[in-house]
Amino acid sequence: MIPKLNRKFPSTYDMERAALRRMPKFMADYVSGGMGLGLNLRRNRETLDAVRLMPRYLVEDGAIDLSVSLFGQTFGAPFGVAPVGNGGSVWPGSAEALAREARDRQQPFGVSTVAVSSLEKLKAAAGDMGWFQLYRPNVPEIEADVLRRAKEAGYKVLMVTVDVPDFLRRDHDIRNNFGSEFSLTDPATFWQLLTHPSWTYASWRHGMPKLETLLHYAPAGLSARERDRFVFGLLPGHVGPEDLRRLRENWDGILLAKGILDPVEAALCQSIGLDGVVVSNHGGRQLEAAPSAIEVLPAIRRAVGPDFALIADGGVRTGLDICRMLAVGADFVLIGRAFYYAMGAMGLAGAPHVFDVLTAELRTMMGQLGVTDPRDLPERLITSPELPVATGADD
């Protein structure tokens, strides 16, 4: 850990504040914002903070081992980088830098269908740590070809996002004219670029970000705006049980459903033959009234039993938050915004630093709790903000 960076950015909260100042408002709002009034963003934070853990100090001293096994593979720590659509726009080259760092540390890196680098480029950077997250294109031929490319690139883990069944309206993006109609000629946009010169210059040197995986299918001769409309028009793609069954038949690697919150749906995924689910409310970006992952994890664990893989994300910012997720029932944790805030704050130097900070925090917290193995964290759980489980009986 570089001392100068450690003093300036000792936590991901420091990284977040710096990144949001450095980026133009339209980009900062896109990365940090949720749906509507942001109630689900606050719920993620509040329910994580409500989880209390009991420290035990009178334990036999032992070396802390952060490594965990999942899907027959050993990872260096029980957390990885979540797929973040358009995340590479936070700072040029940030996705590739995080992918390489994840590879070197033997921790997963989630590659989004709507990353600003192609699935092939990011797989080359992430190596065996690359997990591909699929937004189902609503054109069957394109969906089939994306899956073909993922197989040929060598991905072994496929995460199918199920919580984007229709087009969304995010107020902050509409106000900022950000999305398929984004235009550099808009006066407000131009002013934001002018007043954030370091981000603007870096982005200009690197070239305007493009959603490379799906732009591959855009017809020739389209203008930039028409290409954007084409790509956004491919999404979303509804995912139902039959879609999951078909994917299970055609994908011979690890198959996960991402965006599950209902214990009944988690059990359905298990019955279809999936290898696990990612318990997630999409970082508070989809349904403002949805529960947080940590609220539903205990009920989902009861529904699927101890051997079905539960990966969780949503609001995680610290090593303590990782401990909280694991204590409540997750086998593994994915973190999105915190990693990309590091890149927005520090550029490419953010990749090793944010991994260092989260790893150091996790090790410190496990030491405080008297735990040497992440699998033992549920023994330290005191309270969790669990939702009541519907029984189906009449009230």
Protein backbone atom coordinates (compact mmCIF):
# COMPACT_ATOMS: atom_id res chain seq x y z
CA MET A 1 0.00 0.00 0.00
CA ILE A 2 1.45 3.35 -1.03
CA PRO A 3 1.64 5.60 2.11
CA LYS A 4 0.68 8.79 0.25
CA LEU A 5 -2.46 7.18 -1.20
CA ASN A 6 -3.27 5.53 2.13
CA ARG A 7 -3.23 8.91 3.90
CA LYS A 8 -5.35 10.57 1.26
CA PHE A 9 -7.76 7.67 0.67
CA PRO A 10 -7.88 5.48 3.78
CA SER A 11 -11.43 4.33 2.99
CA THR A 12 -13.71 3.91 0.00
CA TYR A 13 -15.80 6.81 1.35
CA ASP A 14 -12.82 9.12 0.78
CA MET A 15 -12.50 7.68 -2.72
CA GLU A 16 -16.20 8.26 -3.38
CA ARG A 17 -16.09 11.93 -2.38
CA ALA A 18 -13.06 12.59 -4.56
CA ALA A 19 -14.45 10.68 -7.55
CA LEU A 20 -17.78 12.49 -7.50
CA ARG A 21 -16.00 15.87 -7.39
CA ARG A 22 -13.73 14.89 -10.28
CA MET A 23 -16.47 13.69 -12.62
CA PRO A 24 -19.00 15.84 -14.49
CA LYS A 25 -22.41 15.84 -12.86
CA PHE A 26 -24.02 13.65 -15.53
CA MET A 27 -21.42 10.94 -14.91
CA ALA A 28 -21.41 11.33 -11.13
CA ASP A 29 -25.20 11.07 -11.00
CA TYR A 30 -25.17 8.02 -13.27
CA VAL A 31 -22.69 6.15 -11.09
CA SER A 32 -23.96 7.18 -7.66
CA GLY A 33 -27.69 7.52 -8.29
CA GLY A 34 -30.48 5.08 -7.70
CA MET A 35 -34.12 5.02 -8.66
CA GLY A 36 -36.56 7.79 -7.79
CA LEU A 37 -35.73 9.48 -4.50
CA GLY A 38 -32.93 7.04 -3.76
CA LEU A 39 -34.85 5.26 -1.01
CA ASN A 40 -33.43 1.88 -1.97
CA LEU A 41 -29.89 3.24 -1.86
CA ARG A 42 -30.51 4.39 1.71
CA ARG A 43 -32.14 1.07 2.60
CA ASN A 44 -29.03 -0.79 1.48
CA ARG A 45 -26.90 1.33 3.79
CA GLU A 46 -29.29 1.36 6.74
CA THR A 47 -29.87 -2.38 6.76
CA LEU A 48 -26.16 -3.13 6.53
CA ASP A 49 -25.57 -0.79 9.47
CA ALA A 50 -28.27 -2.62 11.46
CA VAL A 51 -26.31 -5.89 11.40
CA ARG A 52 -24.40 -6.33 14.64
CA LEU A 53 -21.62 -8.84 15.23
CA MET A 54 -20.23 -10.17 18.52
CA PRO A 55 -16.46 -9.89 18.95
CA ARG A 56 -14.65 -12.68 20.77
CA TYR A 57 -11.19 -11.90 22.07
CA LEU A 58 -10.48 -14.92 24.29
CA VAL A 59 -9.84 -17.26 21.41
CA GLU A 60 -6.84 -19.29 20.39
CA ASP A 61 -4.60 -17.17 18.22
CA GLY A 62 -4.42 -18.28 14.61
CA ALA A 63 -3.43 -16.97 11.22
CA ILE A 64 -6.30 -15.40 9.31
CA ASP A 65 -6.90 -17.06 5.94
CA LEU A 66 -9.11 -15.01 3.62
CA SER A 67 -9.22 -17.61 0.84
CA VAL A 68 -12.50 -19.32 0.01
CA SER A 69 -13.57 -22.09 -2.36
CA LEU A 70 -16.53 -21.61 -4.67
CA PHE A 71 -17.57 -23.56 -7.78
CA GLY A 72 -14.51 -25.76 -7.43
CA GLN A 73 -12.16 -22.78 -7.58
CA THR A 74 -10.14 -21.11 -4.82
CA PHE A 75 -10.30 -17.33 -4.54
CA GLY A 76 -7.88 -15.13 -2.64
CA ALA A 77 -10.63 -13.42 -0.63
CA PRO A 78 -14.44 -13.72 -0.33
CA PHE A 79 -15.19 -10.67 -2.47
CA GLY A 80 -14.85 -9.57 -6.07
CA VAL A 81 -15.73 -6.80 -8.51
CA ALA A 82 -19.39 -6.68 -9.53
CA PRO A 83 -20.28 -6.03 -13.17
CA VAL A 84 -20.99 -2.32 -13.63
CA GLY A 85 -22.57 -1.22 -16.87
CA ASN A 86 -20.68 1.68 -18.44
CA GLY A 87 -18.36 1.59 -15.42
CA GLY A 88 -15.31 2.12 -17.59
CA SER A 89 -16.55 5.64 -18.30
CA VAL A 90 -15.65 6.65 -14.74
CA TRP A 91 -12.02 6.81 -15.87
CA PRO A 92 -10.48 5.56 -19.12
CA GLY A 93 -9.05 2.05 -18.82
CA SER A 94 -10.51 1.50 -15.36
CA ALA A 95 -12.30 -1.75 -16.18
CA GLU A 96 -9.16 -3.29 -17.68
CA ALA A 97 -7.05 -2.16 -14.70
CA LEU A 98 -9.50 -3.65 -12.20
CA ALA A 99 -9.70 -6.85 -14.25
CA ARG A 100 -5.92 -7.27 -14.23
CA GLU A 101 -5.72 -6.57 -10.50
CA ALA A 102 -8.50 -9.08 -9.81
CA ARG A 103 -6.67 -11.66 -11.91
CA ASP A 104 -3.42 -11.13 -10.02
CA ARG A 105 -5.17 -11.44 -6.65
CA GLN A 106 -7.30 -14.40 -7.70
CA GLN A 107 -10.60 -12.61 -7.14
CA PRO A 108 -13.53 -12.46 -9.59
CA PHE A 109 -14.10 -9.59 -11.98
CA GLY A 110 -17.63 -9.17 -13.36
CA VAL A 111 -17.80 -8.24 -17.04
CA SER A 112 -21.02 -6.49 -18.04
CA THR A 113 -22.69 -6.92 -21.42
CA VAL A 114 -22.79 -3.11 -21.49
CA ALA A 115 -19.19 -2.51 -20.48
CA VAL A 116 -17.29 0.03 -22.53
CA SER A 117 -14.79 -2.66 -23.51
CA SER A 118 -15.70 -5.84 -25.33
CA LEU A 119 -16.23 -9.09 -23.50
CA GLU A 120 -13.16 -10.47 -25.28
CA LYS A 121 -10.85 -7.64 -24.15
CA LEU A 122 -11.96 -7.86 -20.54
CA LYS A 123 -11.67 -11.65 -20.47
CA ALA A 124 -8.10 -11.33 -21.71
CA ALA A 125 -7.41 -8.89 -18.85
CA ALA A 126 -9.21 -10.90 -16.15
CA GLY A 127 -8.03 -14.36 -17.18
CA ASP A 128 -9.72 -17.16 -15.24
CA MET A 129 -11.20 -14.57 -12.86
CA GLY A 130 -13.58 -13.18 -15.49
CA TRP A 131 -17.29 -13.75 -14.86
CA PHE A 132 -19.61 -12.69 -17.69
CA GLN A 133 -22.85 -10.93 -16.81
CA LEU A 134 -25.52 -11.27 -19.49
CA TYR A 135 -28.21 -8.74 -20.21
CA ARG A 136 -30.32 -10.79 -22.59
CA PRO A 137 -30.58 -8.98 -25.93
CA ASN A 138 -34.18 -9.04 -27.11
CA VAL A 139 -33.08 -10.28 -30.55
CA PRO A 140 -32.62 -14.08 -30.29
CA GLU A 141 -29.89 -14.24 -32.92
CA ILE A 142 -27.85 -11.59 -31.14
CA GLU A 143 -28.34 -13.29 -27.78
CA ALA A 144 -27.11 -16.57 -29.24
CA ASP A 145 -24.06 -14.90 -30.75
CA VAL A 146 -23.15 -13.10 -27.51
CA LEU A 147 -23.24 -16.44 -25.70
CA ARG A 148 -21.13 -18.01 -28.44
CA ARG A 149 -18.56 -15.26 -28.04
CA ALA A 150 -18.54 -15.70 -24.25
CA LYS A 151 -17.91 -19.43 -24.63
CA GLU A 152 -15.16 -18.92 -27.20
CA ALA A 153 -13.52 -16.26 -25.00
CA GLY A 154 -13.29 -18.86 -22.23
CA TYR A 155 -15.74 -17.64 -19.61
CA LYS A 156 -16.66 -20.37 -17.13
CA VAL A 157 -19.19 -18.36 -15.07
CA LEU A 158 -22.32 -16.78 -16.59
CA MET A 159 -24.48 -14.43 -14.51
CA VAL A 160 -27.86 -13.79 -16.12
CA THR A 161 -29.37 -10.53 -14.91
CA VAL A 162 -33.10 -11.00 -14.33
CA ASP A 163 -34.07 -7.67 -12.73
CA VAL A 164 -34.26 -5.51 -15.86
CA PRO A 165 -37.53 -6.73 -17.39
CA ASP A 166 -38.42 -3.40 -18.98
CA PHE A 167 -37.02 0.00 -19.83
CA LEU A 168 -36.32 2.25 -16.85
CA ARG A 169 -36.82 5.91 -16.06
CA ARG A 170 -34.10 7.25 -13.79
CA ASP A 171 -34.88 10.86 -12.98
CA HIS A 172 -31.29 12.04 -12.70
CA ASP A 173 -30.37 10.61 -16.12
CA ILE A 174 -33.39 12.26 -17.71
CA ARG A 175 -32.51 15.62 -16.17
CA ASN A 176 -28.93 15.24 -17.38
CA ASN A 177 -29.94 14.11 -20.87
CA PHE A 178 -27.78 11.03 -20.23
CA GLY A 179 -28.42 7.80 -22.11
CA SER A 180 -29.30 6.97 -25.66
CA GLU A 181 -29.94 10.69 -26.36
CA PHE A 182 -26.71 11.89 -24.70
CA SER A 183 -25.24 14.81 -26.63
CA LEU A 184 -22.00 16.73 -26.23
CA THR A 185 -23.63 19.72 -27.95
CA ASP A 186 -26.04 20.20 -25.04
CA PRO A 187 -24.98 23.46 -23.28
CA ALA A 188 -25.29 22.02 -19.77
CA THR A 189 -23.25 18.97 -20.73
CA PHE A 190 -20.60 21.10 -22.39
CA TRP A 191 -20.32 23.29 -19.29
CA GLN A 192 -19.89 20.25 -17.05
CA LEU A 193 -17.10 18.98 -19.29
CA LEU A 194 -15.43 22.39 -19.29
CA THR A 195 -15.48 22.63 -15.49
CA HIS A 196 -14.08 19.12 -14.94
CA PRO A 197 -10.93 19.32 -17.06
CA SER A 198 -8.97 16.31 -15.75
CA TRP A 199 -11.82 13.89 -16.47
CA THR A 200 -12.63 15.54 -19.79
CA TYR A 201 -9.02 15.55 -20.99
CA ALA A 202 -8.45 11.92 -20.00
CA SER A 203 -11.67 10.85 -21.71
CA TRP A 204 -10.85 12.88 -24.83
CA ARG A 205 -7.40 11.31 -25.12
CA HIS A 206 -8.84 7.83 -24.74
CA GLY A 207 -11.81 8.42 -27.06
CA MET A 208 -15.52 8.52 -26.28
CA PRO A 209 -16.66 5.33 -24.53
CA LYS A 210 -18.66 2.85 -26.57
CA LEU A 211 -20.57 -0.24 -25.47
CA GLU A 212 -18.31 -2.42 -27.58
CA THR A 213 -19.89 -5.83 -27.05
CA LEU A 214 -23.28 -4.80 -28.44
CA LEU A 215 -22.03 -2.18 -30.91
CA HIS A 216 -20.58 -5.16 -32.77
CA TYR A 217 -24.15 -5.79 -34.05
CA ALA A 218 -25.04 -2.25 -35.12
CA PRO A 219 -25.70 -1.91 -38.87
CA ALA A 220 -23.07 -0.06 -40.86
CA GLY A 221 -23.66 3.57 -41.77
CA LEU A 222 -25.42 4.69 -38.60
CA SER A 223 -24.58 7.96 -36.91
CA ALA A 224 -23.23 7.91 -33.36
CA ARG A 225 -26.67 8.75 -31.96
CA GLU A 226 -28.32 6.10 -34.11
CA ARG A 227 -25.80 3.52 -32.89
CA ASP A 228 -26.58 4.43 -29.29
CA ARG A 229 -30.31 4.06 -29.96
CA PHE A 230 -29.71 0.69 -31.57
CA VAL A 231 -27.74 -0.62 -28.60
CA PHE A 232 -30.17 0.65 -25.97
CA GLY A 233 -33.00 -0.78 -28.06
CA LEU A 234 -31.56 -4.26 -27.62
CA LEU A 235 -32.17 -3.99 -23.90
CA PRO A 236 -33.89 -5.08 -21.80
CA GLY A 237 -34.65 -8.72 -22.41
CA HIS A 238 -37.17 -10.38 -20.10
CA VAL A 239 -35.96 -13.56 -18.37
CA GLY A 240 -38.47 -16.22 -17.35
CA PRO A 241 -38.17 -19.78 -16.03
CA GLU A 242 -38.12 -21.27 -19.51
CA ASP A 243 -35.32 -18.92 -20.51
CA LEU A 244 -33.29 -20.13 -17.53
CA ARG A 245 -33.99 -23.75 -18.42
CA ARG A 246 -32.87 -23.15 -21.98
CA LEU A 247 -29.72 -21.39 -20.80
CA ARG A 248 -29.03 -24.25 -18.40
CA GLU A 249 -29.23 -26.71 -21.29
CA ASN A 250 -26.92 -24.62 -23.48
CA TRP A 251 -24.36 -23.36 -20.97
CA ASP A 252 -22.04 -26.06 -19.65
CA GLY A 253 -20.27 -23.81 -17.15
CA ILE A 254 -21.42 -22.21 -13.90
CA LEU A 255 -24.81 -20.52 -14.31
CA LEU A 256 -26.13 -17.89 -11.88
CA ALA A 257 -29.24 -15.71 -11.83
CA LYS A 258 -28.44 -12.15 -10.73
CA GLY A 259 -31.09 -9.96 -9.13
CA ILE A 260 -32.98 -12.51 -7.03
CA LEU A 261 -34.67 -11.23 -3.85
CA ASP A 262 -37.58 -13.62 -3.33
CA PRO A 263 -36.89 -16.93 -1.52
CA VAL A 264 -39.44 -18.64 -3.76
CA GLU A 265 -37.57 -17.54 -6.87
CA ALA A 266 -34.24 -18.59 -5.37
CA ALA A 267 -35.67 -22.06 -4.78
CA LEU A 268 -37.01 -22.10 -8.36
CA CYS A 269 -33.53 -21.31 -9.68
CA GLN A 270 -32.19 -24.16 -7.61
CA SER A 271 -34.80 -26.56 -8.99
CA ILE A 272 -33.96 -25.55 -12.57
CA GLY A 273 -30.37 -26.56 -11.95
CA LEU A 274 -28.59 -23.24 -11.58
CA ASP A 275 -25.40 -23.27 -9.54
CA GLY A 276 -26.38 -20.30 -7.41
CA VAL A 277 -27.97 -16.86 -7.36
CA VAL A 278 -26.73 -13.32 -6.82
CA VAL A 279 -28.98 -11.81 -4.17
CA SER A 280 -29.17 -8.20 -5.28
CA ASN A 281 -31.44 -5.19 -5.74
CA HIS A 282 -29.13 -3.89 -8.48
CA GLY A 283 -27.55 -1.31 -6.21
CA GLY A 284 -30.91 0.37 -5.61
CA ARG A 285 -31.21 1.23 -9.30
CA GLN A 286 -34.32 -0.74 -10.28
CA LEU A 287 -37.28 -0.80 -7.86
CA GLU A 288 -37.34 1.82 -5.14
CA ALA A 289 -39.62 -0.27 -2.91
CA ALA A 290 -37.51 -3.43 -3.13
CA PRO A 291 -35.82 -4.89 -0.04
CA SER A 292 -32.08 -4.93 0.37
CA ALA A 293 -30.07 -8.10 -0.14
CA ILE A 294 -29.17 -8.34 3.53
CA GLU A 295 -32.84 -8.22 4.56
CA VAL A 296 -33.73 -11.30 2.53
CA LEU A 297 -30.54 -13.36 2.77
CA PRO A 298 -31.58 -15.34 5.88
CA ALA A 299 -34.91 -16.40 4.34
CA ILE A 300 -33.26 -17.28 1.03
CA ARG A 301 -30.66 -19.38 2.85
CA ARG A 302 -33.42 -21.30 4.60
CA ALA A 303 -35.22 -21.81 1.30
CA VAL A 304 -32.24 -23.27 -0.58
CA GLY A 305 -30.29 -24.96 2.19
CA PRO A 306 -26.59 -24.74 3.06
CA ASP A 307 -25.05 -26.02 -0.18
CA PHE A 308 -26.55 -23.70 -2.80
CA ALA A 309 -24.27 -20.77 -3.59
CA LEU A 310 -25.52 -17.36 -2.48
CA ILE A 311 -23.55 -14.36 -3.69
CA ALA A 312 -24.68 -10.94 -2.49
CA ASP A 313 -24.20 -7.30 -3.39
CA GLY A 314 -25.70 -3.93 -2.57
CA GLY A 315 -24.23 -1.02 -0.63
CA VAL A 316 -21.01 -2.76 0.44
CA ARG A 317 -18.26 -0.19 1.10
CA THR A 318 -15.99 -1.69 3.77
CA GLY A 319 -14.41 -4.85 5.09
CA LEU A 320 -16.97 -4.74 7.89
CA ASP A 321 -19.77 -4.73 5.32
CA ILE A 322 -18.25 -7.83 3.71
CA CYS A 323 -18.27 -9.51 7.14
CA ARG A 324 -21.90 -8.52 7.62
CA MET A 325 -23.00 -10.05 4.31
CA LEU A 326 -21.13 -13.29 5.01
CA ALA A 327 -22.47 -13.46 8.58
CA VAL A 328 -26.06 -13.15 7.41
CA GLY A 329 -25.82 -15.99 4.89
CA ALA A 330 -23.84 -15.10 1.78
CA ASP A 331 -21.04 -17.33 0.53
CA PHE A 332 -19.40 -14.52 -1.42
CA VAL A 333 -19.75 -10.76 -1.89
CA LEU A 334 -19.61 -8.58 -5.01
CA ILE A 335 -18.84 -4.86 -4.82
CA GLY A 336 -19.48 -2.43 -7.65
CA ARG A 337 -19.48 1.30 -6.95
CA ALA A 338 -16.62 1.29 -4.44
CA PHE A 339 -14.19 -0.16 -6.97
CA TYR A 340 -15.13 2.35 -9.65
CA TYR A 341 -15.07 5.26 -7.22
CA ALA A 342 -11.44 4.34 -6.59
CA MET A 343 -10.75 4.61 -10.29
CA GLY A 344 -12.57 7.92 -10.56
CA ALA A 345 -10.57 9.32 -7.65
CA MET A 346 -7.09 8.04 -8.52
CA GLY A 347 -7.13 6.87 -12.10
CA LEU A 348 -5.39 3.56 -12.75
CA ALA A 349 -3.55 3.75 -9.42
CA GLY A 350 -6.92 3.16 -7.79
CA ALA A 351 -7.05 -0.50 -8.76
CA PRO A 352 -4.38 -1.89 -6.41
CA HIS A 353 -5.20 0.64 -3.69
CA VAL A 354 -8.89 -0.19 -3.37
CA PHE A 355 -8.13 -3.92 -3.25
CA ASP A 356 -5.51 -3.21 -0.56
CA VAL A 357 -7.91 -1.13 1.54
CA LEU A 358 -10.80 -3.60 1.42
CA THR A 359 -8.52 -6.55 2.12
CA ALA A 360 -6.87 -4.79 5.06
CA GLU A 361 -10.25 -3.80 6.50
CA LEU A 362 -11.58 -7.34 6.13
CA ARG A 363 -8.54 -8.81 7.85
CA THR A 364 -8.81 -6.27 10.69
CA MET A 365 -12.50 -6.96 11.23
CA MET A 366 -12.00 -10.72 11.27
CA GLY A 367 -9.24 -10.24 13.83
CA GLN A 368 -11.58 -8.15 16.00
CA LEU A 369 -14.27 -10.81 15.75
CA GLY A 370 -11.89 -13.62 16.62
CA VAL A 371 -12.46 -15.41 13.31
CA THR A 372 -9.73 -16.91 11.15
CA ASP A 373 -11.96 -18.32 8.38
CA PRO A 374 -14.69 -16.32 6.56
CA ARG A 375 -16.98 -19.35 6.79
CA ASP A 376 -17.14 -18.92 10.57
CA LEU A 377 -18.56 -15.39 10.47
CA PRO A 378 -22.22 -16.52 10.91
CA GLU A 379 -21.23 -17.61 14.44
CA ARG A 380 -20.70 -13.92 15.30
CA LEU A 381 -24.11 -12.69 14.12
CA ILE A 382 -26.22 -10.98 16.79
CA THR A 383 -29.00 -9.30 14.79
CA SER A 384 -29.95 -8.91 11.16
CA PRO A 385 -32.77 -6.85 9.61
CA GLU A 386 -34.65 -9.84 8.22
CA LEU A 387 -37.97 -9.38 6.45
CA PRO A 388 -40.96 -11.49 7.48
CA VAL A 389 -41.43 -14.45 5.16
CA ALA A 390 -44.79 -14.79 3.42
CA THR A 391 -46.37 -18.20 4.07
CA GLY A 392 -49.18 -18.02 1.52
CA ALA A 393 -51.76 -18.60 4.28
CA ASP A 394 -54.72 -16.26 4.73
CA ASP A 395 -54.19 -13.60 7.38
